[in-house]
Amino acid sequence: MYKFNFSAYLHALLQKLFMNRIKEVLQEKGIKQTWLAEKLGKSFNIVNDYCNNRRQPSLELIFKIAGVD
């Protein structure tokens, strides 16, 4: 008999709900993560974590990312 792992299901669902699209947008615009890191004054590792949804930027930083030229 199959045992349903609710905890794993909930974790996967929450990750999908709170995923950002930073990586996809950077790829669409041809922008490198290193460039974004420099513009934000953040390390490459932090921006890479944002892009891979291992960490989520603050709302303030999301607005800063949206306004970066």
C-alpha atoms as a PDB file:
ATOM      1  CA  MET A   1       0.000   0.000   0.000  1.00  0.00           C
ATOM      2  CA  TYR A   2       1.286   3.463  -0.917  1.00  0.00           C
ATOM      3  CA  LYS A   3       1.850   5.853   1.974  1.00  0.00           C
ATOM      4  CA  PHE A   4       1.254   9.510   1.093  1.00  0.00           C
ATOM      5  CA  ASN A   5       3.989  11.855   2.301  1.00  0.00           C
ATOM      6  CA  PHE A   6       2.007  15.001   3.041  1.00  0.00           C
ATOM      7  CA  SER A   7       5.038  16.900   4.319  1.00  0.00           C
ATOM      8  CA  ALA A   8       6.964  16.407   1.063  1.00  0.00           C
ATOM      9  CA  TYR A   9       3.887  17.316  -0.969  1.00  0.00           C
ATOM     10  CA  LEU A  10       3.310  20.502   1.023  1.00  0.00           C
ATOM     11  CA  HIS A  11       6.977  21.493   0.738  1.00  0.00           C
ATOM     12  CA  ALA A  12       6.928  21.072  -3.058  1.00  0.00           C
ATOM     13  CA  LEU A  13       3.671  23.009  -3.331  1.00  0.00           C
ATOM     14  CA  LEU A  14       4.963  25.906  -1.243  1.00  0.00           C
ATOM     15  CA  GLN A  15       8.158  26.078  -3.307  1.00  0.00           C
ATOM     16  CA  LYS A  16       6.093  26.430  -6.477  1.00  0.00           C
ATOM     17  CA  LEU A  17       3.877  29.096  -4.929  1.00  0.00           C
ATOM     18  CA  PHE A  18       6.825  31.207  -3.814  1.00  0.00           C
ATOM     19  CA  MET A  19       9.072  30.769  -6.820  1.00  0.00           C
ATOM     20  CA  ASN A  20      10.330  33.893  -8.505  1.00  0.00           C
ATOM     21  CA  ARG A  21      11.056  34.333 -12.206  1.00  0.00           C
ATOM     22  CA  ILE A  22      14.340  36.215 -11.926  1.00  0.00           C
ATOM     23  CA  LYS A  23      16.314  33.555 -13.790  1.00  0.00           C
ATOM     24  CA  GLU A  24      13.796  33.363 -16.648  1.00  0.00           C
ATOM     25  CA  VAL A  25      13.630  37.148 -17.030  1.00  0.00           C
ATOM     26  CA  LEU A  26      17.423  37.452 -17.070  1.00  0.00           C
ATOM     27  CA  GLN A  27      17.608  34.783 -19.774  1.00  0.00           C
ATOM     28  CA  GLU A  28      14.862  36.476 -21.827  1.00  0.00           C
ATOM     29  CA  LYS A  29      16.723  39.798 -21.671  1.00  0.00           C
ATOM     30  CA  GLY A  30      20.186  38.271 -22.180  1.00  0.00           C
ATOM     31  CA  ILE A  31      21.434  39.601 -18.823  1.00  0.00           C
ATOM     32  CA  LYS A  32      24.078  37.773 -16.787  1.00  0.00           C
ATOM     33  CA  GLN A  33      23.702  37.093 -13.073  1.00  0.00           C
ATOM     34  CA  THR A  34      27.102  38.693 -12.490  1.00  0.00           C
ATOM     35  CA  TRP A  35      25.880  41.947 -14.047  1.00  0.00           C
ATOM     36  CA  LEU A  36      22.774  41.963 -11.849  1.00  0.00           C
ATOM     37  CA  ALA A  37      24.857  41.216  -8.762  1.00  0.00           C
ATOM     38  CA  GLU A  38      27.101  44.179  -9.522  1.00  0.00           C
ATOM     39  CA  LYS A  39      24.140  46.530 -10.099  1.00  0.00           C
ATOM     40  CA  LEU A  40      22.499  45.437  -6.832  1.00  0.00           C
ATOM     41  CA  GLY A  41      25.701  45.502  -4.789  1.00  0.00           C
ATOM     42  CA  LYS A  42      25.206  41.833  -3.924  1.00  0.00           C
ATOM     43  CA  SER A  43      27.514  38.877  -4.330  1.00  0.00           C
ATOM     44  CA  PHE A  44      27.109  36.514  -7.268  1.00  0.00           C
ATOM     45  CA  ASN A  45      26.248  33.721  -4.820  1.00  0.00           C
ATOM     46  CA  ILE A  46      23.295  35.659  -3.380  1.00  0.00           C
ATOM     47  CA  VAL A  47      21.924  36.507  -6.837  1.00  0.00           C
ATOM     48  CA  ASN A  48      22.447  32.907  -7.919  1.00  0.00           C
ATOM     49  CA  ASP A  49      20.424  31.777  -4.886  1.00  0.00           C
ATOM     50  CA  TYR A  50      17.621  34.165  -5.931  1.00  0.00           C
ATOM     51  CA  CYS A  51      17.731  32.817  -9.483  1.00  0.00           C
ATOM     52  CA  ASN A  52      17.548  29.220  -8.314  1.00  0.00           C
ATOM     53  CA  ASN A  53      14.866  29.906  -5.685  1.00  0.00           C
ATOM     54  CA  ARG A  54      17.064  28.831  -2.802  1.00  0.00           C
ATOM     55  CA  ARG A  55      16.492  32.275  -1.286  1.00  0.00           C
ATOM     56  CA  GLN A  56      13.891  34.962  -1.929  1.00  0.00           C
ATOM     57  CA  PRO A  57      14.713  38.667  -2.239  1.00  0.00           C
ATOM     58  CA  SER A  58      12.917  41.184  -0.046  1.00  0.00           C
ATOM     59  CA  LEU A  59      10.071  43.184  -1.552  1.00  0.00           C
ATOM     60  CA  GLU A  60      12.309  46.253  -1.548  1.00  0.00           C
ATOM     61  CA  LEU A  61      14.965  44.364  -3.509  1.00  0.00           C
ATOM     62  CA  ILE A  62      12.385  43.054  -5.992  1.00  0.00           C
ATOM     63  CA  PHE A  63      11.471  46.660  -6.820  1.00  0.00           C
ATOM     64  CA  LYS A  64      15.180  47.481  -7.147  1.00  0.00           C
ATOM     65  CA  ILE A  65      15.671  44.525  -9.508  1.00  0.00           C
ATOM     66  CA  ALA A  66      12.692  45.664 -11.581  1.00  0.00           C
ATOM     67  CA  GLY A  67      14.211  49.137 -11.982  1.00  0.00           C
ATOM     68  CA  VAL A  68      17.764  48.108 -12.844  1.00  0.00           C
ATOM     69  CA  ASP A  69      19.000  49.366 -16.222  1.00  0.00           C
END
